N, C-alpha and C. Protein backbone atom coordinates (compact mmCIF):
# COMPACT_ATOMS: atom_id res chain seq x y z
N MET A 1 102.78 89.94 120.72
CA MET A 1 102.15 88.96 120.13
C MET A 1 100.85 89.21 119.92
N LEU A 2 100.13 89.94 121.02
CA LEU A 2 98.74 90.14 121.04
C LEU A 2 98.25 91.14 119.80
N PHE A 3 99.14 92.08 119.45
CA PHE A 3 98.66 93.01 118.63
C PHE A 3 99.14 92.61 117.01
N LYS A 4 99.67 91.43 116.82
CA LYS A 4 100.12 91.05 115.50
C LYS A 4 99.03 90.99 114.45
N GLY A 5 97.95 90.56 114.85
CA GLY A 5 96.81 90.43 113.98
C GLY A 5 96.37 91.86 113.62
N LEU A 6 96.49 92.90 114.47
CA LEU A 6 96.21 94.18 114.10
C LEU A 6 97.24 94.78 113.04
N GLU A 7 98.34 94.35 113.24
CA GLU A 7 99.47 94.83 112.38
C GLU A 7 99.27 94.23 110.90
N VAL A 8 98.89 93.00 110.94
CA VAL A 8 98.56 92.22 109.60
C VAL A 8 97.56 92.87 108.91
N ALA A 9 96.42 93.11 109.66
CA ALA A 9 95.33 93.84 109.03
C ALA A 9 95.67 95.25 108.54
N GLN A 10 96.33 95.97 109.43
CA GLN A 10 96.85 97.24 108.88
C GLN A 10 97.63 97.41 107.68
N THR A 11 98.64 96.37 107.49
CA THR A 11 99.22 96.42 106.29
C THR A 11 98.43 96.25 105.03
N GLY A 12 97.40 95.29 105.26
CA GLY A 12 96.45 95.12 104.13
C GLY A 12 95.57 96.38 103.88
N LEU A 13 95.34 97.19 104.97
CA LEU A 13 94.54 98.26 104.71
C LEU A 13 95.29 99.30 103.95
N SER A 14 96.57 99.40 104.34
CA SER A 14 97.65 100.40 103.73
C SER A 14 97.82 100.17 102.14
N VAL A 15 97.99 98.85 101.88
CA VAL A 15 98.32 98.62 100.47
C VAL A 15 97.02 98.70 99.66
N GLN A 16 95.97 98.37 100.11
CA GLN A 16 94.62 98.63 99.39
C GLN A 16 94.39 100.06 99.14
N LYS A 17 94.58 100.92 100.12
CA LYS A 17 94.36 102.46 99.90
C LYS A 17 95.37 102.87 98.90
N TYR A 18 96.54 102.41 98.85
CA TYR A 18 97.60 102.83 97.88
C TYR A 18 97.10 102.37 96.56
N ARG A 19 96.67 101.14 96.48
CA ARG A 19 96.24 100.61 95.19
C ARG A 19 94.99 101.41 94.65
N MET A 20 94.06 101.83 95.58
CA MET A 20 93.00 102.65 95.17
C MET A 20 93.48 104.00 94.46
N ASP A 21 94.46 104.44 95.10
CA ASP A 21 95.10 105.83 94.69
C ASP A 21 95.66 105.60 93.21
N ILE A 22 96.27 104.51 93.06
CA ILE A 22 96.87 104.35 91.68
C ILE A 22 95.81 104.09 90.74
N ILE A 23 94.68 103.35 91.07
CA ILE A 23 93.62 103.07 90.06
C ILE A 23 92.96 104.59 89.90
N SER A 24 92.86 105.38 90.90
CA SER A 24 92.25 106.73 90.67
C SER A 24 93.10 107.49 89.74
N SER A 25 94.38 107.45 89.84
CA SER A 25 95.31 108.22 88.88
C SER A 25 95.12 107.64 87.53
N ASN A 26 95.01 106.31 87.30
CA ASN A 26 94.81 105.70 86.00
C ASN A 26 93.63 106.24 85.43
N LEU A 27 92.49 106.37 86.12
CA LEU A 27 91.09 106.93 85.62
C LEU A 27 91.32 108.18 85.37
N ALA A 28 91.89 109.00 86.04
CA ALA A 28 92.00 110.50 85.85
C ALA A 28 92.85 110.79 84.62
N ASN A 29 93.71 109.91 84.25
CA ASN A 29 94.56 110.18 83.15
C ASN A 29 94.28 109.41 82.02
N ALA A 30 93.12 108.88 81.96
CA ALA A 30 92.48 107.90 80.76
C ALA A 30 92.60 108.59 79.35
N ASN A 31 92.60 110.02 79.41
CA ASN A 31 92.75 110.57 78.10
C ASN A 31 93.99 111.61 78.04
N SER A 32 94.88 111.48 78.91
CA SER A 32 95.87 112.43 79.00
C SER A 32 97.03 112.14 78.10
N VAL A 33 97.72 113.16 77.70
CA VAL A 33 98.84 113.08 76.83
C VAL A 33 99.80 114.08 77.24
N ASP A 34 101.02 113.87 77.48
CA ASP A 34 102.04 114.84 77.87
C ASP A 34 102.44 115.89 76.74
N ASP A 35 103.26 116.78 77.14
CA ASP A 35 103.54 117.97 76.15
C ASP A 35 104.25 117.43 74.92
N ALA A 36 104.98 116.34 75.00
CA ALA A 36 105.66 115.67 73.77
C ALA A 36 104.75 114.88 73.01
N GLY A 37 103.42 114.79 73.35
CA GLY A 37 102.53 113.84 72.65
C GLY A 37 102.45 112.43 73.00
N ASN A 38 103.30 112.21 74.13
CA ASN A 38 103.26 110.75 74.49
C ASN A 38 102.03 110.40 75.44
N PRO A 39 101.33 109.34 75.29
CA PRO A 39 100.21 109.12 75.92
C PRO A 39 100.53 108.60 77.34
N TYR A 40 99.53 108.77 78.23
CA TYR A 40 99.86 108.11 79.70
C TYR A 40 99.91 106.60 79.54
N ARG A 41 100.83 106.15 80.31
CA ARG A 41 100.73 104.57 80.47
C ARG A 41 100.20 104.24 81.61
N ARG A 42 99.31 103.21 81.68
CA ARG A 42 98.55 102.65 83.13
C ARG A 42 99.55 102.22 83.95
N LYS A 43 99.44 102.42 85.21
CA LYS A 43 100.34 101.96 86.28
C LYS A 43 99.67 100.78 86.99
N ILE A 44 100.59 99.87 87.42
CA ILE A 44 100.14 98.65 88.08
C ILE A 44 100.98 98.53 89.44
N PRO A 45 100.28 98.43 90.66
CA PRO A 45 101.03 98.10 91.95
C PRO A 45 101.46 96.62 91.85
N VAL A 46 102.64 96.31 92.34
CA VAL A 46 103.21 95.00 92.55
C VAL A 46 103.27 94.82 94.12
N PHE A 47 102.53 93.71 94.68
CA PHE A 47 102.68 93.56 95.96
C PHE A 47 103.82 92.49 96.29
N GLU A 48 104.23 92.43 97.47
CA GLU A 48 104.99 91.50 98.10
C GLU A 48 104.70 91.07 99.51
N GLU A 49 105.06 89.81 99.75
CA GLU A 49 104.70 89.23 101.10
C GLU A 49 105.93 89.44 101.98
N ILE A 50 105.71 89.81 103.12
CA ILE A 50 106.83 90.09 104.12
C ILE A 50 106.52 89.15 105.26
N LEU A 51 107.50 88.10 105.33
CA LEU A 51 107.25 87.19 106.47
C LEU A 51 107.83 87.68 107.79
N ASP A 52 107.04 87.85 108.81
CA ASP A 52 107.45 88.18 110.13
C ASP A 52 107.74 86.98 111.02
N ASN A 53 109.10 86.62 111.18
CA ASN A 53 109.42 85.54 112.00
C ASN A 53 109.88 85.84 113.36
N GLN A 54 109.53 86.89 113.88
CA GLN A 54 110.10 87.33 115.16
C GLN A 54 109.53 86.55 116.29
N ASP A 55 108.32 86.17 116.25
CA ASP A 55 107.76 85.29 117.31
C ASP A 55 107.72 83.87 116.92
N SER A 56 107.14 83.03 117.81
CA SER A 56 106.98 81.59 117.68
C SER A 56 106.04 81.31 116.43
N LEU A 57 105.01 82.33 116.18
CA LEU A 57 103.99 82.10 115.11
C LEU A 57 104.38 83.08 113.81
N PRO A 58 104.85 82.61 112.82
CA PRO A 58 105.24 83.49 111.83
C PRO A 58 104.07 83.96 111.11
N LEU A 59 103.96 85.35 110.76
CA LEU A 59 102.73 86.03 110.08
C LEU A 59 103.29 86.73 108.76
N SER A 60 102.39 86.74 107.89
CA SER A 60 102.72 87.31 106.70
C SER A 60 102.00 88.63 106.55
N LYS A 61 102.86 89.60 106.20
CA LYS A 61 102.21 90.90 106.07
C LYS A 61 102.55 91.22 104.52
N VAL A 62 101.87 92.36 104.02
CA VAL A 62 101.87 92.72 102.65
C VAL A 62 102.49 94.05 102.58
N ALA A 63 103.10 94.32 101.38
CA ALA A 63 103.65 95.65 101.10
C ALA A 63 103.64 95.88 99.57
N ILE A 64 103.77 97.08 99.26
CA ILE A 64 103.93 97.44 97.78
C ILE A 64 105.34 97.25 97.41
N LYS A 65 105.75 96.43 96.54
CA LYS A 65 107.03 96.30 96.12
C LYS A 65 107.51 97.32 95.22
N GLU A 66 106.73 97.54 94.11
CA GLU A 66 106.94 98.55 93.23
C GLU A 66 105.63 98.97 92.40
N VAL A 67 105.73 99.96 91.66
CA VAL A 67 104.74 100.29 90.66
C VAL A 67 105.29 100.29 89.29
N VAL A 68 104.73 99.39 88.53
CA VAL A 68 105.30 99.28 87.12
C VAL A 68 104.33 99.83 86.06
N GLN A 69 104.77 100.22 85.08
CA GLN A 69 103.98 100.61 83.77
C GLN A 69 103.46 99.49 83.11
N ASP A 70 102.22 99.45 82.70
CA ASP A 70 101.61 98.41 81.84
C ASP A 70 102.06 98.60 80.39
N ASN A 71 102.67 97.57 79.98
CA ASN A 71 103.36 97.75 78.54
C ASN A 71 102.35 97.37 77.49
N ALA A 72 101.02 97.13 77.73
CA ALA A 72 100.09 96.99 76.82
C ALA A 72 100.04 98.00 75.63
N PRO A 73 99.67 97.79 74.52
CA PRO A 73 99.73 98.70 73.34
C PRO A 73 98.87 99.79 73.68
N TYR A 74 99.18 100.93 73.28
CA TYR A 74 98.24 102.03 73.26
C TYR A 74 97.05 101.94 72.41
N LYS A 75 96.01 102.51 72.79
CA LYS A 75 94.81 102.50 71.87
C LYS A 75 94.96 103.49 70.73
N LEU A 76 94.40 103.02 69.62
CA LEU A 76 94.55 103.94 68.49
C LEU A 76 93.17 104.69 68.15
N LYS A 77 93.00 105.72 67.97
CA LYS A 77 91.89 106.47 67.83
C LYS A 77 92.09 107.32 66.29
N PHE A 78 91.07 107.09 65.44
CA PHE A 78 91.15 107.74 64.10
C PHE A 78 90.56 109.19 64.28
N ASP A 79 91.57 110.14 64.06
CA ASP A 79 91.28 111.60 64.28
C ASP A 79 92.30 112.26 63.38
N PRO A 80 92.05 112.45 62.11
CA PRO A 80 93.15 113.05 61.15
C PRO A 80 93.26 114.45 61.40
N THR A 81 92.24 115.10 62.17
CA THR A 81 92.37 116.53 62.42
C THR A 81 93.20 116.75 63.57
N ASN A 82 93.42 115.83 64.33
CA ASN A 82 94.26 116.10 65.53
C ASN A 82 95.82 116.28 65.20
N PRO A 83 96.52 117.30 65.81
CA PRO A 83 97.77 117.69 65.41
C PRO A 83 98.79 116.51 65.85
N LEU A 84 98.41 115.57 66.82
CA LEU A 84 99.04 114.41 67.23
C LEU A 84 99.01 113.16 66.18
N ALA A 85 98.14 113.19 65.30
CA ALA A 85 97.87 112.14 64.42
C ALA A 85 99.01 111.89 63.59
N ASP A 86 99.14 110.45 63.34
CA ASP A 86 100.22 109.95 62.38
C ASP A 86 99.90 110.13 61.01
N GLN A 87 100.56 109.64 60.16
CA GLN A 87 100.30 109.90 58.53
C GLN A 87 99.03 109.20 58.29
N LYS A 88 98.59 108.21 58.97
CA LYS A 88 97.42 107.62 58.72
C LYS A 88 96.11 108.21 59.21
N GLY A 89 96.45 109.04 60.21
CA GLY A 89 95.32 109.67 60.78
C GLY A 89 94.99 109.11 62.17
N TYR A 90 95.77 108.32 62.69
CA TYR A 90 95.58 107.81 64.00
C TYR A 90 96.47 108.49 65.11
N VAL A 91 95.73 108.65 66.25
CA VAL A 91 96.23 109.21 67.45
C VAL A 91 96.40 108.16 68.49
N LYS A 92 97.56 108.12 69.11
CA LYS A 92 97.86 107.16 70.24
C LYS A 92 97.07 107.66 71.42
N MET A 93 96.34 106.77 72.15
CA MET A 93 95.64 107.14 73.32
C MET A 93 96.19 106.28 74.42
N PRO A 94 95.97 106.77 75.74
CA PRO A 94 96.44 105.87 76.83
C PRO A 94 95.79 104.55 76.89
N ASN A 95 96.77 103.58 77.35
CA ASN A 95 96.28 102.16 77.53
C ASN A 95 95.47 101.96 78.64
N VAL A 96 94.56 102.89 79.11
CA VAL A 96 93.81 102.77 80.30
C VAL A 96 92.33 102.26 79.80
N ASP A 97 91.81 101.30 80.43
CA ASP A 97 90.55 100.76 80.18
C ASP A 97 89.75 101.17 81.36
N PRO A 98 88.77 102.12 81.17
CA PRO A 98 88.09 102.55 82.38
C PRO A 98 87.11 101.50 83.04
N MET A 99 86.73 100.54 82.21
CA MET A 99 85.91 99.29 82.77
C MET A 99 86.77 98.42 83.72
N ARG A 100 87.89 98.29 83.13
CA ARG A 100 88.83 97.37 83.89
C ARG A 100 89.25 98.08 85.17
N GLU A 101 89.48 99.28 85.12
CA GLU A 101 89.91 100.22 86.25
C GLU A 101 88.83 100.14 87.40
N MET A 102 87.52 100.14 87.05
CA MET A 102 86.56 100.16 87.88
C MET A 102 86.37 98.86 88.50
N VAL A 103 86.53 97.78 87.74
CA VAL A 103 86.46 96.37 88.39
C VAL A 103 87.76 96.30 89.41
N ASP A 104 88.85 96.77 89.10
CA ASP A 104 89.91 96.67 89.85
C ASP A 104 89.69 97.60 91.14
N MET A 105 88.98 98.72 91.05
CA MET A 105 88.46 99.53 92.24
C MET A 105 87.60 98.83 93.10
N ILE A 106 86.63 98.04 92.49
CA ILE A 106 85.80 97.40 93.38
C ILE A 106 86.37 96.27 93.99
N SER A 107 87.32 95.49 93.51
CA SER A 107 88.22 94.43 94.12
C SER A 107 89.01 95.12 95.33
N ALA A 108 89.65 96.24 95.02
CA ALA A 108 90.47 96.88 96.17
C ALA A 108 89.59 97.36 97.24
N THR A 109 88.35 97.91 97.02
CA THR A 109 87.46 98.36 98.12
C THR A 109 87.04 97.18 98.87
N ARG A 110 86.68 95.97 98.29
CA ARG A 110 86.15 94.80 99.00
C ARG A 110 87.30 94.14 99.76
N THR A 111 88.54 94.31 99.24
CA THR A 111 89.65 93.77 100.01
C THR A 111 90.00 94.62 101.23
N TYR A 112 89.74 95.99 100.84
CA TYR A 112 89.97 97.03 102.15
C TYR A 112 89.07 96.55 103.30
N GLU A 113 87.70 96.47 102.78
CA GLU A 113 86.58 96.14 103.80
C GLU A 113 87.07 94.82 104.58
N ALA A 114 87.40 93.83 103.84
CA ALA A 114 87.66 92.52 104.57
C ALA A 114 88.81 92.81 105.57
N ASN A 115 89.88 93.48 105.21
CA ASN A 115 90.81 93.83 106.24
C ASN A 115 90.36 94.62 107.38
N LEU A 116 89.43 95.62 107.11
CA LEU A 116 88.84 96.45 108.14
C LEU A 116 88.02 95.50 109.03
N THR A 117 87.36 94.64 108.52
CA THR A 117 86.40 93.65 109.37
C THR A 117 87.49 92.73 110.26
N ALA A 118 88.59 92.36 109.72
CA ALA A 118 89.46 91.49 110.37
C ALA A 118 90.15 92.28 111.57
N PHE A 119 90.41 93.54 111.27
CA PHE A 119 91.10 94.54 112.29
C PHE A 119 90.10 94.69 113.35
N ASN A 120 88.84 94.97 113.04
CA ASN A 120 87.71 95.17 114.13
C ASN A 120 87.57 93.93 114.92
N THR A 121 87.45 92.88 114.28
CA THR A 121 87.18 91.57 114.89
C THR A 121 88.25 91.38 115.94
N HIS A 122 89.49 91.54 115.59
CA HIS A 122 90.50 91.26 116.44
C HIS A 122 90.58 92.26 117.60
N LYS A 123 90.25 93.50 117.24
CA LYS A 123 90.12 94.45 118.30
C LYS A 123 89.14 94.19 119.40
N GLU A 124 87.84 93.71 118.75
CA GLU A 124 86.86 93.21 119.82
C GLU A 124 87.25 92.02 120.63
N MET A 125 88.15 91.10 120.04
CA MET A 125 88.43 90.01 120.96
C MET A 125 89.41 90.42 122.02
N LEU A 126 90.25 91.50 121.59
CA LEU A 126 91.27 91.98 122.63
C LEU A 126 90.55 92.63 123.79
N LEU A 127 89.42 93.36 123.36
CA LEU A 127 88.65 94.11 124.43
C LEU A 127 87.79 93.18 125.36
N LYS A 128 87.33 92.10 124.65
CA LYS A 128 86.69 91.06 125.55
C LYS A 128 87.53 90.35 126.43
N SER A 129 88.77 90.21 125.88
CA SER A 129 89.77 89.45 126.71
C SER A 129 90.20 90.36 128.05
N ILE A 130 90.26 91.53 127.77
CA ILE A 130 90.52 92.49 128.87
C ILE A 130 89.37 92.62 129.84
N ASP A 131 88.16 92.60 129.34
CA ASP A 131 86.91 92.52 130.26
C ASP A 131 87.02 91.18 131.20
N ILE A 132 87.52 89.93 130.48
CA ILE A 132 87.38 88.82 131.32
C ILE A 132 88.40 88.93 132.28
N ILE A 133 89.68 89.45 132.00
CA ILE A 133 90.70 89.61 133.07
C ILE A 133 90.37 90.48 134.06
N LYS A 134 89.49 91.47 133.94
CA LYS A 134 89.21 92.30 135.07
C LYS A 134 88.33 91.72 136.03
N VAL A 135 87.51 90.68 135.72
CA VAL A 135 86.59 89.99 136.78
C VAL A 135 87.41 89.15 137.57
């Protein structure tokens, strides 16, 4: 029971790190097209709450349920000289918006920092409790 707060904060840290990895992948592939000419599709993590009822105080943890592809339409770029252009001269580009990804990255970073603060605060309270017991 004493360490449940640490576990909750740790799950928050883990999912935000994974979220940042997905955002980084999206940014890295913002102009990527596979060998068949299909543009990269933005990936989105889906979170799920995990209720821990083992003790008298139920706690909610978080996990990544799945990673889904964003079905938003591809961006169209006019480039008739590109070999991947359609009959009208448009090339399908990935549906990744770098500005949106950067905003998501800032959000993930701040959430990570909040979980880290909660973890450290809980750890300090445990250490102070041990100091009180020693006396």
